[in-house]
PDB file of all heavy atoms in Angstrom:
ATOM      1  N   PRO A   1      -9.286 -25.904  -2.588  1.00  0.00           N
ATOM      2  CA  PRO A   1     -10.005 -24.642  -2.834  1.00  0.00           C
ATOM      3  C   PRO A   1      -9.226 -23.436  -2.314  1.00  0.00           C
ATOM      4  O   PRO A   1      -8.833 -23.396  -1.141  1.00  0.00           O
ATOM      5  CB  PRO A   1     -11.314 -24.827  -2.054  1.00  0.00           C
ATOM      6  CG  PRO A   1     -10.947 -25.775  -0.939  1.00  0.00           C
ATOM      7  CD  PRO A   1      -9.911 -26.717  -1.517  1.00  0.00           C
ATOM      8  N   ASP A   2      -8.980 -22.483  -3.176  1.00  0.00           N
ATOM      9  CA  ASP A   2      -8.312 -21.228  -2.823  1.00  0.00           C
ATOM     10  C   ASP A   2      -9.293 -20.082  -3.023  1.00  0.00           C
ATOM     11  O   ASP A   2     -10.406 -20.276  -3.532  1.00  0.00           O
ATOM     12  CB  ASP A   2      -7.080 -21.012  -3.704  1.00  0.00           C
ATOM     13  CG  ASP A   2      -6.144 -22.209  -3.705  1.00  0.00           C
ATOM     14  OD1 ASP A   2      -5.791 -22.662  -2.611  1.00  0.00           O
ATOM     15  OD2 ASP A   2      -5.775 -22.682  -4.805  1.00  0.00           O
ATOM     16  N   TYR A   3      -8.876 -18.863  -2.641  1.00  0.00           N
ATOM     17  CA  TYR A   3      -9.756 -17.705  -2.769  1.00  0.00           C
ATOM     18  C   TYR A   3      -9.019 -16.496  -3.331  1.00  0.00           C
ATOM     19  O   TYR A   3      -7.848 -16.265  -3.011  1.00  0.00           O
ATOM     20  CB  TYR A   3     -10.345 -17.307  -1.405  1.00  0.00           C
ATOM     21  CG  TYR A   3     -11.381 -18.255  -0.850  1.00  0.00           C
ATOM     22  CD1 TYR A   3     -11.005 -19.287   0.009  1.00  0.00           C
ATOM     23  CD2 TYR A   3     -12.728 -18.115  -1.185  1.00  0.00           C
ATOM     24  CE1 TYR A   3     -11.944 -20.159   0.531  1.00  0.00           C
ATOM     25  CE2 TYR A   3     -13.670 -18.989  -0.662  1.00  0.00           C
ATOM     26  CZ  TYR A   3     -13.282 -20.005   0.195  1.00  0.00           C
ATOM     27  OH  TYR A   3     -14.218 -20.863   0.699  1.00  0.00           O
ATOM     28  N   ALA A   4      -9.732 -15.745  -4.152  1.00  0.00           N
ATOM     29  CA  ALA A   4      -9.305 -14.403  -4.545  1.00  0.00           C
ATOM     30  C   ALA A   4     -10.228 -13.443  -3.800  1.00  0.00           C
ATOM     31  O   ALA A   4     -11.452 -13.592  -3.833  1.00  0.00           O
ATOM     32  CB  ALA A   4      -9.437 -14.201  -6.055  1.00  0.00           C
ATOM     33  N   LEU A   5      -9.621 -12.503  -3.103  1.00  0.00           N
ATOM     34  CA  LEU A   5     -10.382 -11.620  -2.218  1.00  0.00           C
ATOM     35  C   LEU A   5     -10.089 -10.165  -2.550  1.00  0.00           C
ATOM     36  O   LEU A   5      -8.934  -9.754  -2.628  1.00  0.00           O
ATOM     37  CB  LEU A   5      -9.999 -11.922  -0.768  1.00  0.00           C
ATOM     38  CG  LEU A   5     -10.538 -11.017   0.335  1.00  0.00           C
ATOM     39  CD1 LEU A   5     -12.052 -11.063   0.376  1.00  0.00           C
ATOM     40  CD2 LEU A   5      -9.952 -11.438   1.685  1.00  0.00           C
ATOM     41  N   GLY A   6     -11.138  -9.389  -2.793  1.00  0.00           N
ATOM     42  CA  GLY A   6     -11.002  -7.959  -3.019  1.00  0.00           C
ATOM     43  C   GLY A   6     -11.347  -7.205  -1.749  1.00  0.00           C
ATOM     44  O   GLY A   6     -12.414  -7.423  -1.162  1.00  0.00           O
ATOM     45  N   ILE A   7     -10.426  -6.344  -1.277  1.00  0.00           N
ATOM     46  CA  ILE A   7     -10.689  -5.550  -0.079  1.00  0.00           C
ATOM     47  C   ILE A   7     -10.475  -4.074  -0.411  1.00  0.00           C
ATOM     48  O   ILE A   7      -9.768  -3.743  -1.367  1.00  0.00           O
ATOM     49  CB  ILE A   7      -9.775  -5.964   1.101  1.00  0.00           C
ATOM     50  CG1 ILE A   7      -8.296  -5.747   0.761  1.00  0.00           C
ATOM     51  CG2 ILE A   7     -10.036  -7.411   1.486  1.00  0.00           C
ATOM     52  CD1 ILE A   7      -7.355  -6.035   1.921  1.00  0.00           C
ATOM     53  N   GLU A   8     -11.112  -3.196   0.361  1.00  0.00           N
ATOM     54  CA  GLU A   8     -10.941  -1.759   0.148  1.00  0.00           C
ATOM     55  C   GLU A   8     -10.728  -1.057   1.480  1.00  0.00           C
ATOM     56  O   GLU A   8     -11.191  -1.523   2.532  1.00  0.00           O
ATOM     57  CB  GLU A   8     -12.145  -1.171  -0.582  1.00  0.00           C
ATOM     58  CG  GLU A   8     -13.442  -1.218   0.190  1.00  0.00           C
ATOM     59  CD  GLU A   8     -14.628  -0.708  -0.631  1.00  0.00           C
ATOM     60  OE1 GLU A   8     -14.502  -0.608  -1.859  1.00  0.00           O
ATOM     61  OE2 GLU A   8     -15.677  -0.424  -0.017  1.00  0.00           O
ATOM     62  N   ALA A   9      -9.999   0.045   1.409  1.00  0.00           N
ATOM     63  CA  ALA A   9      -9.713   0.817   2.614  1.00  0.00           C
ATOM     64  C   ALA A   9     -10.996   1.486   3.096  1.00  0.00           C
ATOM     65  O   ALA A   9     -11.640   2.228   2.351  1.00  0.00           O
ATOM     66  CB  ALA A   9      -8.639   1.860   2.329  1.00  0.00           C
ATOM     67  N   ALA A  10     -11.373   1.213   4.344  1.00  0.00           N
ATOM     68  CA  ALA A  10     -12.579   1.811   4.909  1.00  0.00           C
ATOM     69  C   ALA A  10     -12.327   3.242   5.359  1.00  0.00           C
ATOM     70  O   ALA A  10     -13.262   4.015   5.560  1.00  0.00           O
ATOM     71  CB  ALA A  10     -13.079   0.977   6.085  1.00  0.00           C
ATOM     72  N   SER A  11     -11.057   3.601   5.499  1.00  0.00           N
ATOM     73  CA  SER A  11     -10.628   4.945   5.884  1.00  0.00           C
ATOM     74  C   SER A  11      -9.177   5.078   5.433  1.00  0.00           C
ATOM     75  O   SER A  11      -8.534   4.077   5.101  1.00  0.00           O
ATOM     76  CB  SER A  11     -10.755   5.146   7.404  1.00  0.00           C
ATOM     77  OG  SER A  11      -9.956   4.211   8.100  1.00  0.00           O
ATOM     78  N   PRO A  12      -8.632   6.295   5.382  1.00  0.00           N
ATOM     79  CA  PRO A  12      -7.221   6.435   4.980  1.00  0.00           C
ATOM     80  C   PRO A  12      -6.310   5.585   5.853  1.00  0.00           C
ATOM     81  O   PRO A  12      -6.434   5.588   7.081  1.00  0.00           O
ATOM     82  CB  PRO A  12      -6.960   7.934   5.170  1.00  0.00           C
ATOM     83  CG  PRO A  12      -8.304   8.569   4.997  1.00  0.00           C
ATOM     84  CD  PRO A  12      -9.274   7.599   5.617  1.00  0.00           C
ATOM     85  N   GLN A  13      -5.403   4.839   5.214  1.00  0.00           N
ATOM     86  CA  GLN A  13      -4.531   3.919   5.932  1.00  0.00           C
ATOM     87  C   GLN A  13      -3.068   4.306   5.738  1.00  0.00           C
ATOM     88  O   GLN A  13      -2.624   4.516   4.607  1.00  0.00           O
ATOM     89  CB  GLN A  13      -4.737   2.482   5.425  1.00  0.00           C
ATOM     90  CG  GLN A  13      -6.153   1.968   5.552  1.00  0.00           C
ATOM     91  CD  GLN A  13      -6.604   1.856   6.987  1.00  0.00           C
ATOM     92  OE1 GLN A  13      -5.881   1.337   7.836  1.00  0.00           O
ATOM     93  NE2 GLN A  13      -7.804   2.339   7.273  1.00  0.00           N
ATOM     94  N   LYS A  14      -2.345   4.418   6.844  1.00  0.00           N
ATOM     95  CA  LYS A  14      -0.918   4.683   6.791  1.00  0.00           C
ATOM     96  C   LYS A  14      -0.178   3.372   6.559  1.00  0.00           C
ATOM     97  O   LYS A  14      -0.329   2.428   7.334  1.00  0.00           O
ATOM     98  CB  LYS A  14      -0.435   5.318   8.099  1.00  0.00           C
ATOM     99  CG  LYS A  14      -0.876   6.760   8.296  1.00  0.00           C
ATOM    100  CD  LYS A  14      -0.036   7.707   7.430  1.00  0.00           C
ATOM    101  CE  LYS A  14      -0.338   9.170   7.763  1.00  0.00           C
ATOM    102  NZ  LYS A  14       0.458  10.090   6.910  1.00  0.00           N
ATOM    103  N   GLU A  15       0.599   3.313   5.494  1.00  0.00           N
ATOM    104  CA  GLU A  15       1.404   2.125   5.214  1.00  0.00           C
ATOM    105  C   GLU A  15       2.775   2.575   4.757  1.00  0.00           C
ATOM    106  O   GLU A  15       2.905   3.254   3.740  1.00  0.00           O
ATOM    107  CB  GLU A  15       0.742   1.244   4.162  1.00  0.00           C
ATOM    108  CG  GLU A  15      -0.508   0.540   4.655  1.00  0.00           C
ATOM    109  CD  GLU A  15      -0.931  -0.609   3.757  1.00  0.00           C
ATOM    110  OE1 GLU A  15      -0.258  -0.831   2.728  1.00  0.00           O
ATOM    111  OE2 GLU A  15      -1.928  -1.269   4.079  1.00  0.00           O
ATOM    112  N   GLY A  16       3.796   2.192   5.488  1.00  0.00           N
ATOM    113  CA  GLY A  16       5.146   2.625   5.157  1.00  0.00           C
ATOM    114  C   GLY A  16       5.257   4.130   5.261  1.00  0.00           C
ATOM    115  O   GLY A  16       4.884   4.727   6.268  1.00  0.00           O
ATOM    116  N   ASP A  17       5.758   4.739   4.202  1.00  0.00           N
ATOM    117  CA  ASP A  17       5.907   6.194   4.188  1.00  0.00           C
ATOM    118  C   ASP A  17       4.736   6.901   3.510  1.00  0.00           C
ATOM    119  O   ASP A  17       4.752   8.120   3.345  1.00  0.00           O
ATOM    120  CB  ASP A  17       7.208   6.585   3.448  1.00  0.00           C
ATOM    121  CG  ASP A  17       8.451   6.082   4.177  1.00  0.00           C
ATOM    122  OD1 ASP A  17       8.398   5.978   5.411  1.00  0.00           O
ATOM    123  OD2 ASP A  17       9.445   5.778   3.490  1.00  0.00           O
ATOM    124  N   GLY A  18       3.729   6.130   3.087  1.00  0.00           N
ATOM    125  CA  GLY A  18       2.626   6.738   2.356  1.00  0.00           C
ATOM    126  C   GLY A  18       1.278   6.496   3.010  1.00  0.00           C
ATOM    127  O   GLY A  18       1.176   5.884   4.076  1.00  0.00           O
ATOM    128  N   THR A  19       0.253   7.008   2.351  1.00  0.00           N
ATOM    129  CA  THR A  19      -1.119   6.862   2.827  1.00  0.00           C
ATOM    130  C   THR A  19      -1.973   6.278   1.714  1.00  0.00           C
ATOM    131  O   THR A  19      -1.920   6.735   0.570  1.00  0.00           O
ATOM    132  CB  THR A  19      -1.712   8.213   3.255  1.00  0.00           C
ATOM    133  OG1 THR A  19      -0.926   8.759   4.313  1.00  0.00           O
ATOM    134  CG2 THR A  19      -3.154   8.055   3.726  1.00  0.00           C
ATOM    135  N   ILE A  20      -2.755   5.270   2.038  1.00  0.00           N
ATOM    136  CA  ILE A  20      -3.704   4.688   1.097  1.00  0.00           C
ATOM    137  C   ILE A  20      -5.049   5.350   1.347  1.00  0.00           C
ATOM    138  O   ILE A  20      -5.583   5.308   2.453  1.00  0.00           O
ATOM    139  CB  ILE A  20      -3.790   3.171   1.281  1.00  0.00           C
ATOM    140  CG1 ILE A  20      -2.439   2.530   0.935  1.00  0.00           C
ATOM    141  CG2 ILE A  20      -4.895   2.580   0.420  1.00  0.00           C
ATOM    142  CD1 ILE A  20      -2.407   1.041   1.114  1.00  0.00           C
ATOM    143  N   GLU A  21      -5.595   5.972   0.316  1.00  0.00           N
ATOM    144  CA  GLU A  21      -6.834   6.725   0.466  1.00  0.00           C
ATOM    145  C   GLU A  21      -8.035   5.807   0.636  1.00  0.00           C
ATOM    146  O   GLU A  21      -8.037   4.652   0.174  1.00  0.00           O
ATOM    147  CB  GLU A  21      -7.048   7.635  -0.752  1.00  0.00           C
ATOM    148  CG  GLU A  21      -5.959   8.674  -0.968  1.00  0.00           C
ATOM    149  CD  GLU A  21      -5.848   9.649   0.194  1.00  0.00           C
ATOM    150  OE1 GLU A  21      -6.888   9.931   0.826  1.00  0.00           O
ATOM    151  OE2 GLU A  21      -4.734  10.117   0.465  1.00  0.00           O
ATOM    152  N   GLU A  22      -9.061   6.326   1.291  1.00  0.00           N
ATOM    153  CA  GLU A  22     -10.306   5.588   1.445  1.00  0.00           C
ATOM    154  C   GLU A  22     -10.859   5.219   0.074  1.00  0.00           C
ATOM    155  O   GLU A  22     -10.886   6.036  -0.841  1.00  0.00           O
ATOM    156  CB  GLU A  22     -11.322   6.431   2.208  1.00  0.00           C
ATOM    157  CG  GLU A  22     -12.663   5.740   2.423  1.00  0.00           C
ATOM    158  CD  GLU A  22     -13.633   6.583   3.212  1.00  0.00           C
ATOM    159  OE1 GLU A  22     -13.229   7.661   3.706  1.00  0.00           O
ATOM    160  OE2 GLU A  22     -14.798   6.172   3.349  1.00  0.00           O
ATOM    161  N   GLY A  23     -11.302   3.976  -0.076  1.00  0.00           N
ATOM    162  CA  GLY A  23     -11.864   3.522  -1.342  1.00  0.00           C
ATOM    163  C   GLY A  23     -10.847   2.875  -2.261  1.00  0.00           C
ATOM    164  O   GLY A  23     -11.233   2.249  -3.258  1.00  0.00           O
ATOM    165  N   ASN A  24      -9.543   3.015  -1.959  1.00  0.00           N
ATOM    166  CA  ASN A  24      -8.536   2.297  -2.730  1.00  0.00           C
ATOM    167  C   ASN A  24      -8.655   0.806  -2.431  1.00  0.00           C
ATOM    168  O   ASN A  24      -9.074   0.412  -1.347  1.00  0.00           O
ATOM    169  CB  ASN A  24      -7.125   2.795  -2.415  1.00  0.00           C
ATOM    170  CG  ASN A  24      -6.785   4.067  -3.166  1.00  0.00           C
ATOM    171  OD1 ASN A  24      -7.665   4.731  -3.717  1.00  0.00           O
ATOM    172  ND2 ASN A  24      -5.512   4.414  -3.189  1.00  0.00           N
ATOM    173  N   ARG A  25      -8.250   0.001  -3.402  1.00  0.00           N
ATOM    174  CA  ARG A  25      -8.523  -1.421  -3.293  1.00  0.00           C
ATOM    175  C   ARG A  25      -7.282  -2.282  -3.435  1.00  0.00           C
ATOM    176  O   ARG A  25      -6.273  -1.853  -3.999  1.00  0.00           O
ATOM    177  CB  ARG A  25      -9.567  -1.810  -4.344  1.00  0.00           C
ATOM    178  CG  ARG A  25     -10.932  -1.247  -3.975  1.00  0.00           C
ATOM    179  CD  ARG A  25     -11.960  -1.410  -5.044  1.00  0.00           C
ATOM    180  NE  ARG A  25     -13.295  -1.167  -4.481  1.00  0.00           N
ATOM    181  CZ  ARG A  25     -14.397  -1.070  -5.195  1.00  0.00           C
ATOM    182  NH1 ARG A  25     -14.344  -1.190  -6.506  1.00  0.00           N
ATOM    183  NH2 ARG A  25     -15.551  -0.857  -4.605  1.00  0.00           N
ATOM    184  N   ARG A  26      -7.389  -3.509  -2.932  1.00  0.00           N
ATOM    185  CA  ARG A  26      -6.274  -4.456  -2.965  1.00  0.00           C
ATOM    186  C   ARG A  26      -6.818  -5.850  -3.261  1.00  0.00           C
ATOM    187  O   ARG A  26      -7.874  -6.237  -2.772  1.00  0.00           O
ATOM    188  CB  ARG A  26      -5.545  -4.432  -1.630  1.00  0.00           C
ATOM    189  CG  ARG A  26      -4.386  -5.408  -1.503  1.00  0.00           C
ATOM    190  CD  ARG A  26      -3.644  -5.185  -0.193  1.00  0.00           C
ATOM    191  NE  ARG A  26      -2.992  -3.859  -0.195  1.00  0.00           N
ATOM    192  CZ  ARG A  26      -2.491  -3.282   0.893  1.00  0.00           C
ATOM    193  NH1 ARG A  26      -2.586  -3.892   2.066  1.00  0.00           N
ATOM    194  NH2 ARG A  26      -1.915  -2.105   0.814  1.00  0.00           N
ATOM    195  N   LEU A  27      -6.083  -6.564  -4.071  1.00  0.00           N
ATOM    196  CA  LEU A  27      -6.417  -7.955  -4.377  1.00  0.00           C
ATOM    197  C   LEU A  27      -5.524  -8.864  -3.545  1.00  0.00           C
ATOM    198  O   LEU A  27      -4.300  -8.698  -3.527  1.00  0.00           O
ATOM    199  CB  LEU A  27      -6.194  -8.235  -5.865  1.00  0.00           C
ATOM    200  CG  LEU A  27      -6.387  -9.682  -6.318  1.00  0.00           C
ATOM    201  CD1 LEU A  27      -7.856 -10.081  -6.203  1.00  0.00           C
ATOM    202  CD2 LEU A  27      -5.894  -9.862  -7.745  1.00  0.00           C
ATOM    203  N   LEU A  28      -6.131  -9.818  -2.854  1.00  0.00           N
ATOM    204  CA  LEU A  28      -5.401 -10.809  -2.075  1.00  0.00           C
ATOM    205  C   LEU A  28      -5.677 -12.193  -2.646  1.00  0.00           C
ATOM    206  O   LEU A  28      -6.822 -12.518  -2.976  1.00  0.00           O
ATOM    207  CB  LEU A  28      -5.840 -10.790  -0.605  1.00  0.00           C
ATOM    208  CG  LEU A  28      -5.738  -9.469   0.158  1.00  0.00           C
ATOM    209  CD1 LEU A  28      -6.243  -9.659   1.590  1.00  0.00           C
ATOM    210  CD2 LEU A  28      -4.316  -8.935   0.157  1.00  0.00           C
ATOM    211  N   LEU A  29      -4.638 -13.011  -2.761  1.00  0.00           N
ATOM    212  CA  LEU A  29      -4.786 -14.398  -3.180  1.00  0.00           C
ATOM    213  C   LEU A  29      -4.503 -15.274  -1.968  1.00  0.00           C
ATOM    214  O   LEU A  29      -3.371 -15.348  -1.485  1.00  0.00           O
ATOM    215  CB  LEU A  29      -3.823 -14.724  -4.316  1.00  0.00           C
ATOM    216  CG  LEU A  29      -3.965 -13.867  -5.573  1.00  0.00           C
ATOM    217  CD1 LEU A  29      -3.026 -14.376  -6.666  1.00  0.00           C
ATOM    218  CD2 LEU A  29      -5.401 -13.824  -6.070  1.00  0.00           C
ATOM    219  N   ALA A  30      -5.548 -15.899  -1.454  1.00  0.00           N
ATOM    220  CA  ALA A  30      -5.458 -16.732  -0.249  1.00  0.00           C
ATOM    221  C   ALA A  30      -5.373 -18.194  -0.670  1.00  0.00           C
ATOM    222  O   ALA A  30      -6.326 -18.744  -1.238  1.00  0.00           O
ATOM    223  CB  ALA A  30      -6.661 -16.496   0.654  1.00  0.00           C
ATOM    224  N   ILE A  31      -4.223 -18.816  -0.402  1.00  0.00           N
ATOM    225  CA  ILE A  31      -3.968 -20.184  -0.839  1.00  0.00           C
ATOM    226  C   ILE A  31      -4.090 -21.147   0.340  1.00  0.00           C
ATOM    227  O   ILE A  31      -3.547 -20.907   1.425  1.00  0.00           O
ATOM    228  CB  ILE A  31      -2.552 -20.294  -1.459  1.00  0.00           C
ATOM    229  CG1 ILE A  31      -2.396 -19.268  -2.587  1.00  0.00           C
ATOM    230  CG2 ILE A  31      -2.300 -21.705  -1.968  1.00  0.00           C
ATOM    231  CD1 ILE A  31      -3.393 -19.400  -3.716  1.00  0.00           C
ATOM    232  N   ARG A  32      -4.816 -22.227   0.107  1.00  0.00           N
ATOM    233  CA  ARG A  32      -5.026 -23.221   1.164  1.00  0.00           C
ATOM    234  C   ARG A  32      -3.736 -23.982   1.435  1.00  0.00           C
ATOM    235  O   ARG A  32      -3.055 -24.454   0.517  1.00  0.00           O
ATOM    236  CB  ARG A  32      -6.141 -24.191   0.770  1.00  0.00           C
ATOM    237  CG  ARG A  32      -6.519 -25.197   1.859  1.00  0.00           C
ATOM    238  CD  ARG A  32      -7.601 -26.130   1.362  1.00  0.00           C
ATOM    239  NE  ARG A  32      -7.840 -27.218   2.291  1.00  0.00           N
ATOM    240  CZ  ARG A  32      -8.878 -27.305   3.119  1.00  0.00           C
ATOM    241  NH1 ARG A  32      -9.771 -26.345   3.135  1.00  0.00           N
ATOM    242  NH2 ARG A  32      -9.031 -28.343   3.900  1.00  0.00           N
ATOM    243  N   GLN A  33      -3.401 -24.128   2.724  1.00  0.00           N
ATOM    244  CA  GLN A  33      -2.198 -24.828   3.148  1.00  0.00           C
ATOM    245  C   GLN A  33      -2.516 -26.292   3.494  1.00  0.00           C
ATOM    246  O   GLN A  33      -3.672 -26.695   3.549  1.00  0.00           O
ATOM    247  CB  GLN A  33      -1.584 -24.122   4.355  1.00  0.00           C
ATOM    248  CG  GLN A  33      -1.305 -22.638   4.141  1.00  0.00           C
ATOM    249  CD  GLN A  33      -0.352 -22.391   2.986  1.00  0.00           C
ATOM    250  OE1 GLN A  33       0.832 -22.705   3.060  1.00  0.00           O
ATOM    251  NE2 GLN A  33      -0.864 -21.824   1.900  1.00  0.00           N
ATOM    252  N   GLY A  34      -1.471 -27.068   3.728  1.00  0.00           N
ATOM    253  CA  GLY A  34      -1.658 -28.478   4.007  1.00  0.00           C
ATOM    254  C   GLY A  34      -2.454 -28.758   5.263  1.00  0.00           C
ATOM    255  O   GLY A  34      -3.091 -29.809   5.379  1.00  0.00           O
ATOM    256  N   ASP A  35      -2.437 -27.807   6.225  1.00  0.00           N
ATOM    257  CA  ASP A  35      -3.185 -28.006   7.470  1.00  0.00           C
ATOM    258  C   ASP A  35      -4.613 -27.467   7.395  1.00  0.00           C
ATOM    259  O   ASP A  35      -5.329 -27.464   8.387  1.00  0.00           O
ATOM    260  CB  ASP A  35      -2.445 -27.371   8.647  1.00  0.00           C
ATOM    261  CG  ASP A  35      -2.301 -25.853   8.499  1.00  0.00           C
ATOM    262  OD1 ASP A  35      -2.740 -25.297   7.457  1.00  0.00           O
ATOM    263  OD2 ASP A  35      -1.735 -25.221   9.411  1.00  0.00           O
ATOM    264  N   GLY A  36      -5.017 -27.006   6.210  1.00  0.00           N
ATOM    265  CA  GLY A  36      -6.380 -26.503   6.035  1.00  0.00           C
ATOM    266  C   GLY A  36      -6.535 -25.019   6.264  1.00  0.00           C
ATOM    267  O   GLY A  36      -7.603 -24.468   6.024  1.00  0.00           O
ATOM    268  N   SER A  37      -5.483 -24.342   6.740  1.00  0.00           N
ATOM    269  CA  SER A  37      -5.548 -22.898   6.940  1.00  0.00           C
ATOM    270  C   SER A  37      -5.244 -22.191   5.613  1.00  0.00           C
ATOM    271  O   SER A  37      -4.896 -22.828   4.614  1.00  0.00           O
ATOM    272  CB  SER A  37      -4.546 -22.457   8.010  1.00  0.00           C
ATOM    273  OG  SER A  37      -3.214 -22.673   7.563  1.00  0.00           O
ATOM    274  N   TYR A  38      -5.369 -20.870   5.613  1.00  0.00           N
ATOM    275  CA  TYR A  38      -5.116 -20.077   4.415  1.00  0.00           C
ATOM    276  C   TYR A  38      -4.049 -19.030   4.691  1.00  0.00           C
ATOM    277  O   TYR A  38      -3.999 -18.452   5.775  1.00  0.00           O
ATOM    278  CB  TYR A  38      -6.394 -19.388   3.933  1.00  0.00           C
ATOM    279  CG  TYR A  38      -7.359 -20.340   3.263  1.00  0.00           C
ATOM    280  CD1 TYR A  38      -8.279 -21.068   4.019  1.00  0.00           C
ATOM    281  CD2 TYR A  38      -7.341 -20.517   1.890  1.00  0.00           C
ATOM    282  CE1 TYR A  38      -9.159 -21.958   3.407  1.00  0.00           C
ATOM    283  CE2 TYR A  38      -8.212 -21.401   1.277  1.00  0.00           C
ATOM    284  CZ  TYR A  38      -9.118 -22.121   2.031  1.00  0.00           C
ATOM    285  OH  TYR A  38      -9.963 -22.997   1.429  1.00  0.00           O
ATOM    286  N   GLN A  39      -3.200 -18.800   3.693  1.00  0.00           N
ATOM    287  CA  GLN A  39      -2.196 -17.746   3.771  1.00  0.00           C
ATOM    288  C   GLN A  39      -2.259 -16.897   2.515  1.00  0.00           C
ATOM    289  O   GLN A  39      -2.554 -17.408   1.427  1.00  0.00           O
ATOM    290  CB  GLN A  39      -0.785 -18.326   3.919  1.00  0.00           C
ATOM    291  CG  GLN A  39      -0.509 -18.953   5.261  1.00  0.00           C
ATOM    292  CD  GLN A  39       0.945 -19.366   5.403  1.00  0.00           C
ATOM    293  OE1 GLN A  39       1.783 -19.061   4.555  1.00  0.00           O
ATOM    294  NE2 GLN A  39       1.253 -20.067   6.475  1.00  0.00           N
ATOM    295  N   VAL A  40      -2.002 -15.589   2.663  1.00  0.00           N
ATOM    296  CA  VAL A  40      -1.935 -14.698   1.507  1.00  0.00           C
ATOM    297  C   VAL A  40      -0.608 -14.953   0.811  1.00  0.00           C
ATOM    298  O   VAL A  40       0.452 -14.703   1.375  1.00  0.00           O
ATOM    299  CB  VAL A  40      -2.048 -13.219   1.926  1.00  0.00           C
ATOM    300  CG1 VAL A  40      -1.820 -12.308   0.728  1.00  0.00           C
ATOM    301  CG2 VAL A  40      -3.419 -12.956   2.539  1.00  0.00           C
ATOM    302  N   ARG A  41      -0.659 -15.466  -0.425  1.00  0.00           N
ATOM    303  CA  ARG A  41       0.544 -15.767  -1.180  1.00  0.00           C
ATOM    304  C   ARG A  41       0.696 -14.858  -2.399  1.00  0.00           C
ATOM    305  O   ARG A  41       1.535 -15.094  -3.253  1.00  0.00           O
ATOM    306  CB  ARG A  41       0.526 -17.240  -1.614  1.00  0.00           C
ATOM    307  CG  ARG A  41       0.719 -18.206  -0.461  1.00  0.00           C
ATOM    308  CD  ARG A  41       2.039 -17.927   0.255  1.00  0.00           C
ATOM    309  NE  ARG A  41       2.269 -18.845   1.363  1.00  0.00           N
ATOM    310  CZ  ARG A  41       3.021 -19.940   1.268  1.00  0.00           C
ATOM    311  NH1 ARG A  41       3.570 -20.253   0.123  1.00  0.00           N
ATOM    312  NH2 ARG A  41       3.201 -20.693   2.325  1.00  0.00           N
TER     313      ARG A  41
END
């Protein structure tokens, strides 16, 4: 079992040289590993 996860910025976020505005969204694909943990792949 793997997961697709939608997250959104709760406030403006500084990332690298830019800023992600509040309400912007990101899709994460969390894949189950052999030890049962999950990693964003």
